């Protein structure tokens, strides 16, 4: 397993793909694809949808889906608070993260 996940947006752009095209091909909502690229996995709907969306996204990019799933462990589903900007995570994301941890 590699030590770090590549910049998925750059990887996609280097392949000449747009998020809109991937959304059209996979039927995954654009906002979920954006969340995957920005590593905001708490914004995904949860449950089996998360792994399904990650697998479909990886296939669309030609990226190893098992490698992508390995980087998206439960600990990665929690979006840290950026203390300098004062930005707070959306309460729905926090609730989803909590619910996902309870299921494990």
N, C-alpha and C. Protein backbone atom coordinates (compact mmCIF):
# COMPACT_ATOMS: atom_id res chain seq x y z
N UNK A 1 0.86 -1.18 0.00
CA UNK A 1 0.00 0.00 0.00
C UNK A 1 0.90 1.24 0.00
N UNK A 2 0.65 2.20 -0.91
CA UNK A 2 1.45 3.41 -0.94
C UNK A 2 1.28 4.22 0.34
N UNK A 3 2.25 5.10 0.57
CA UNK A 3 2.23 5.88 1.81
C UNK A 3 1.23 7.02 1.78
N UNK A 4 0.90 7.52 0.60
CA UNK A 4 -0.06 8.63 0.55
C UNK A 4 -0.94 8.51 -0.68
N UNK A 5 -2.12 9.02 -0.54
CA UNK A 5 -3.08 9.02 -1.63
C UNK A 5 -2.74 10.18 -2.57
N UNK A 6 -2.74 9.94 -3.87
CA UNK A 6 -2.45 11.04 -4.78
C UNK A 6 -3.58 12.07 -4.77
N UNK A 7 -3.29 13.22 -5.31
CA UNK A 7 -4.30 14.26 -5.48
C UNK A 7 -5.29 13.74 -6.52
N UNK A 8 -6.45 13.31 -6.08
CA UNK A 8 -7.41 12.68 -6.98
C UNK A 8 -7.91 13.62 -8.07
N UNK A 9 -8.11 14.88 -7.73
CA UNK A 9 -8.57 15.85 -8.73
C UNK A 9 -7.52 15.99 -9.84
N UNK A 10 -6.26 16.10 -9.45
CA UNK A 10 -5.19 16.22 -10.45
C UNK A 10 -5.09 14.93 -11.27
N UNK A 11 -5.19 13.79 -10.61
CA UNK A 11 -5.14 12.50 -11.29
C UNK A 11 -6.24 12.44 -12.35
N UNK A 12 -7.45 12.87 -11.97
CA UNK A 12 -8.60 12.88 -12.90
C UNK A 12 -8.36 13.83 -14.06
N UNK A 13 -7.90 15.04 -13.76
CA UNK A 13 -7.66 16.04 -14.81
C UNK A 13 -6.57 15.59 -15.77
N UNK A 14 -5.54 14.93 -15.24
CA UNK A 14 -4.46 14.42 -16.10
C UNK A 14 -4.97 13.37 -17.07
N UNK A 15 -6.05 12.70 -16.71
CA UNK A 15 -6.67 11.70 -17.58
C UNK A 15 -7.67 12.34 -18.55
N UNK A 16 -7.89 13.66 -18.41
CA UNK A 16 -8.81 14.35 -19.30
C UNK A 16 -10.27 14.13 -18.96
N UNK A 17 -10.55 13.80 -17.71
CA UNK A 17 -11.93 13.55 -17.27
C UNK A 17 -12.47 14.73 -16.47
N UNK A 18 -13.77 14.94 -16.56
CA UNK A 18 -14.43 15.96 -15.74
C UNK A 18 -15.31 15.25 -14.72
N UNK A 19 -15.57 15.94 -13.62
CA UNK A 19 -16.48 15.37 -12.62
C UNK A 19 -17.87 15.18 -13.21
N UNK A 20 -18.27 16.10 -14.07
CA UNK A 20 -19.59 16.01 -14.69
C UNK A 20 -19.71 14.73 -15.51
N UNK A 21 -18.66 14.38 -16.26
CA UNK A 21 -18.67 13.16 -17.07
C UNK A 21 -18.72 11.92 -16.17
N UNK A 22 -17.94 11.94 -15.10
CA UNK A 22 -17.95 10.80 -14.18
C UNK A 22 -19.32 10.67 -13.52
N UNK A 23 -19.92 11.81 -13.14
CA UNK A 23 -21.26 11.79 -12.53
C UNK A 23 -22.27 11.20 -13.51
N UNK A 24 -22.16 11.59 -14.76
CA UNK A 24 -23.08 11.09 -15.78
C UNK A 24 -22.90 9.58 -15.98
N UNK A 25 -21.65 9.13 -16.05
CA UNK A 25 -21.37 7.72 -16.29
C UNK A 25 -21.71 6.83 -15.10
N UNK A 26 -21.45 7.31 -13.90
CA UNK A 26 -21.65 6.48 -12.70
C UNK A 26 -23.00 6.69 -12.02
N UNK A 27 -23.67 7.77 -12.38
CA UNK A 27 -24.96 8.14 -11.73
C UNK A 27 -24.76 8.54 -10.27
N UNK A 28 -23.54 8.95 -9.92
CA UNK A 28 -23.25 9.46 -8.57
C UNK A 28 -23.40 10.97 -8.62
N UNK A 29 -24.07 11.53 -7.63
CA UNK A 29 -24.27 12.98 -7.60
C UNK A 29 -22.93 13.70 -7.57
N UNK A 30 -22.88 14.82 -8.26
CA UNK A 30 -21.67 15.62 -8.37
C UNK A 30 -21.13 16.01 -7.00
N UNK A 31 -22.01 16.35 -6.07
CA UNK A 31 -21.56 16.78 -4.74
C UNK A 31 -20.82 15.65 -4.01
N UNK A 32 -21.21 14.40 -4.25
CA UNK A 32 -20.53 13.27 -3.62
C UNK A 32 -19.15 13.05 -4.25
N UNK A 33 -19.07 13.23 -5.56
CA UNK A 33 -17.77 13.11 -6.22
C UNK A 33 -16.81 14.20 -5.74
N UNK A 34 -17.34 15.41 -5.57
CA UNK A 34 -16.52 16.50 -5.05
C UNK A 34 -16.05 16.19 -3.64
N UNK A 35 -16.93 15.62 -2.83
CA UNK A 35 -16.56 15.26 -1.46
C UNK A 35 -15.45 14.20 -1.45
N UNK A 36 -15.52 13.24 -2.36
CA UNK A 36 -14.47 12.23 -2.44
C UNK A 36 -13.14 12.87 -2.77
N UNK A 37 -13.14 13.74 -3.77
CA UNK A 37 -11.89 14.39 -4.17
C UNK A 37 -11.33 15.28 -3.07
N UNK A 38 -12.20 15.89 -2.30
CA UNK A 38 -11.77 16.77 -1.22
C UNK A 38 -11.58 16.01 0.09
N UNK A 39 -11.76 14.70 0.05
CA UNK A 39 -11.58 13.81 1.21
C UNK A 39 -12.51 14.18 2.36
N UNK A 40 -13.71 14.61 2.01
CA UNK A 40 -14.75 14.91 2.99
C UNK A 40 -15.73 13.74 3.00
N UNK A 41 -15.26 12.60 3.44
CA UNK A 41 -16.06 11.39 3.36
C UNK A 41 -17.26 11.41 4.28
N UNK A 42 -17.26 12.27 5.27
CA UNK A 42 -18.43 12.43 6.13
C UNK A 42 -19.60 13.02 5.39
N UNK A 43 -19.35 13.58 4.21
CA UNK A 43 -20.42 14.16 3.40
C UNK A 43 -21.11 13.13 2.52
N UNK A 44 -20.56 11.92 2.48
CA UNK A 44 -21.19 10.86 1.69
C UNK A 44 -22.39 10.32 2.46
N UNK A 45 -23.30 9.64 1.75
CA UNK A 45 -24.54 9.20 2.40
C UNK A 45 -24.37 8.14 3.48
N UNK A 46 -23.26 7.43 3.49
CA UNK A 46 -23.02 6.44 4.53
C UNK A 46 -23.33 5.03 4.08
N UNK A 47 -23.07 4.10 4.99
CA UNK A 47 -23.35 2.69 4.72
C UNK A 47 -22.61 2.15 3.52
N UNK A 48 -23.27 1.23 2.82
CA UNK A 48 -22.64 0.59 1.66
C UNK A 48 -22.47 1.56 0.50
N UNK A 49 -23.19 2.68 0.53
CA UNK A 49 -23.04 3.67 -0.54
C UNK A 49 -21.60 4.18 -0.59
N UNK A 50 -21.00 4.39 0.57
CA UNK A 50 -19.65 4.95 0.60
C UNK A 50 -18.67 4.08 -0.18
N UNK A 51 -18.61 2.80 0.15
CA UNK A 51 -17.65 1.94 -0.55
C UNK A 51 -18.03 1.78 -2.01
N UNK A 52 -19.30 1.74 -2.32
CA UNK A 52 -19.74 1.64 -3.70
C UNK A 52 -19.32 2.87 -4.50
N UNK A 53 -19.54 4.05 -3.93
CA UNK A 53 -19.17 5.29 -4.62
C UNK A 53 -17.66 5.37 -4.81
N UNK A 54 -16.90 4.99 -3.80
CA UNK A 54 -15.45 5.02 -3.91
C UNK A 54 -14.96 4.05 -4.98
N UNK A 55 -15.55 2.87 -5.02
CA UNK A 55 -15.15 1.88 -6.04
C UNK A 55 -15.48 2.39 -7.44
N UNK A 56 -16.69 2.90 -7.62
CA UNK A 56 -17.10 3.39 -8.94
C UNK A 56 -16.23 4.57 -9.39
N UNK A 57 -15.93 5.46 -8.47
CA UNK A 57 -15.07 6.60 -8.78
C UNK A 57 -13.68 6.12 -9.20
N UNK A 58 -13.12 5.18 -8.44
CA UNK A 58 -11.79 4.65 -8.77
C UNK A 58 -11.80 3.99 -10.15
N UNK A 59 -12.82 3.21 -10.44
CA UNK A 59 -12.91 2.57 -11.76
C UNK A 59 -12.99 3.61 -12.87
N UNK A 60 -13.77 4.65 -12.66
CA UNK A 60 -13.91 5.71 -13.67
C UNK A 60 -12.57 6.38 -13.95
N UNK A 61 -11.73 6.47 -12.93
CA UNK A 61 -10.41 7.10 -13.10
C UNK A 61 -9.35 6.12 -13.59
N UNK A 62 -9.63 4.84 -13.48
CA UNK A 62 -8.61 3.85 -13.78
C UNK A 62 -7.62 3.72 -12.62
N UNK A 63 -8.11 3.99 -11.42
CA UNK A 63 -7.30 3.92 -10.21
C UNK A 63 -7.64 2.62 -9.48
N UNK A 64 -6.71 2.08 -8.74
CA UNK A 64 -6.92 0.83 -8.00
C UNK A 64 -7.97 1.06 -6.90
N UNK A 65 -9.13 0.44 -7.06
CA UNK A 65 -10.23 0.68 -6.11
C UNK A 65 -9.91 0.18 -4.71
N UNK A 66 -9.19 -0.92 -4.59
CA UNK A 66 -8.84 -1.43 -3.26
C UNK A 66 -7.86 -0.49 -2.56
N UNK A 67 -6.98 0.10 -3.34
CA UNK A 67 -6.04 1.06 -2.77
C UNK A 67 -6.79 2.30 -2.26
N UNK A 68 -7.75 2.78 -3.03
CA UNK A 68 -8.54 3.94 -2.60
C UNK A 68 -9.33 3.61 -1.33
N UNK A 69 -9.94 2.43 -1.28
CA UNK A 69 -10.70 2.04 -0.09
C UNK A 69 -9.80 1.91 1.13
N UNK A 70 -8.58 1.45 0.92
CA UNK A 70 -7.65 1.31 2.04
C UNK A 70 -7.33 2.66 2.68
N UNK A 71 -7.31 3.71 1.88
CA UNK A 71 -7.03 5.04 2.42
C UNK A 71 -8.24 5.65 3.10
N UNK A 72 -9.40 5.11 2.82
CA UNK A 72 -10.63 5.70 3.35
C UNK A 72 -11.13 4.89 4.53
N UNK A 73 -10.28 4.72 5.50
CA UNK A 73 -10.63 3.98 6.71
C UNK A 73 -11.60 4.81 7.55
N UNK A 74 -12.26 4.21 8.53
CA UNK A 74 -13.21 4.94 9.37
C UNK A 74 -12.63 6.20 10.00
N UNK A 75 -11.37 6.18 10.38
CA UNK A 75 -10.77 7.37 11.01
C UNK A 75 -10.72 8.53 10.03
N UNK A 76 -10.63 8.24 8.74
CA UNK A 76 -10.56 9.29 7.73
C UNK A 76 -11.93 9.93 7.46
N UNK A 77 -12.99 9.33 7.95
CA UNK A 77 -14.32 9.87 7.69
C UNK A 77 -14.62 11.12 8.51
N UNK A 78 -13.81 11.39 9.50
CA UNK A 78 -14.04 12.55 10.36
C UNK A 78 -13.26 13.73 9.80
N UNK A 79 -13.96 14.78 9.46
CA UNK A 79 -13.32 15.96 8.91
C UNK A 79 -12.84 16.84 10.05
N UNK A 80 -11.52 17.12 10.12
CA UNK A 80 -11.02 17.95 11.21
C UNK A 80 -11.48 19.40 11.07
N UNK A 81 -11.55 20.09 12.18
CA UNK A 81 -11.92 21.50 12.19
C UNK A 81 -10.67 22.32 11.91
N UNK A 82 -10.80 23.26 11.00
CA UNK A 82 -9.70 24.17 10.71
C UNK A 82 -9.77 25.30 11.72
N UNK A 83 -8.96 25.22 12.78
CA UNK A 83 -9.04 26.17 13.88
C UNK A 83 -8.65 27.59 13.47
N UNK A 84 -7.74 27.72 12.52
CA UNK A 84 -7.31 29.06 12.11
C UNK A 84 -8.43 29.81 11.40
N UNK A 85 -9.18 29.12 10.55
CA UNK A 85 -10.23 29.81 9.81
C UNK A 85 -11.52 29.89 10.62
N UNK A 86 -11.62 29.08 11.67
CA UNK A 86 -12.83 29.07 12.48
C UNK A 86 -13.96 28.29 11.83
N UNK A 87 -13.66 27.61 10.71
CA UNK A 87 -14.70 26.86 10.01
C UNK A 87 -15.11 25.66 10.85
N UNK A 88 -16.38 25.45 10.94
CA UNK A 88 -16.93 24.32 11.68
C UNK A 88 -17.55 23.35 10.68
N UNK A 89 -17.44 22.05 10.91
CA UNK A 89 -18.08 21.11 10.01
C UNK A 89 -19.60 21.21 10.13
N UNK A 90 -20.26 20.88 9.06
CA UNK A 90 -21.72 20.86 9.04
C UNK A 90 -22.19 19.80 10.04
N UNK A 91 -23.22 20.09 10.81
CA UNK A 91 -23.70 19.16 11.83
C UNK A 91 -24.13 17.84 11.22
N UNK A 92 -24.62 17.88 9.96
CA UNK A 92 -25.04 16.63 9.31
C UNK A 92 -23.84 15.73 9.05
N UNK A 93 -22.70 16.33 8.67
CA UNK A 93 -21.47 15.55 8.47
C UNK A 93 -21.01 14.92 9.77
N UNK A 94 -21.08 15.70 10.85
CA UNK A 94 -20.67 15.19 12.15
C UNK A 94 -21.58 14.03 12.58
N UNK A 95 -22.87 14.17 12.34
CA UNK A 95 -23.81 13.10 12.70
C UNK A 95 -23.55 11.85 11.88
N UNK A 96 -23.29 12.02 10.57
CA UNK A 96 -22.99 10.86 9.73
C UNK A 96 -21.73 10.15 10.22
N UNK A 97 -20.71 10.93 10.54
CA UNK A 97 -19.45 10.36 11.03
C UNK A 97 -19.67 9.57 12.31
N UNK A 98 -20.46 10.14 13.22
CA UNK A 98 -20.76 9.47 14.47
C UNK A 98 -21.50 8.16 14.19
N UNK A 99 -22.50 8.20 13.31
CA UNK A 99 -23.29 7.02 13.01
C UNK A 99 -22.42 5.94 12.36
N UNK A 100 -21.50 6.33 11.49
CA UNK A 100 -20.62 5.35 10.84
C UNK A 100 -19.71 4.68 11.88
N UNK A 101 -19.21 5.44 12.83
CA UNK A 101 -18.35 4.86 13.85
C UNK A 101 -19.13 3.91 14.74
N UNK A 102 -20.40 4.19 14.97
CA UNK A 102 -21.23 3.32 15.82
C UNK A 102 -21.48 1.99 15.14
N UNK A 103 -21.51 1.97 13.80
CA UNK A 103 -21.79 0.74 13.06
C UNK A 103 -20.59 -0.20 13.03
N UNK A 104 -19.41 0.33 13.23
CA UNK A 104 -18.20 -0.52 13.11
C UNK A 104 -17.99 -1.42 14.26
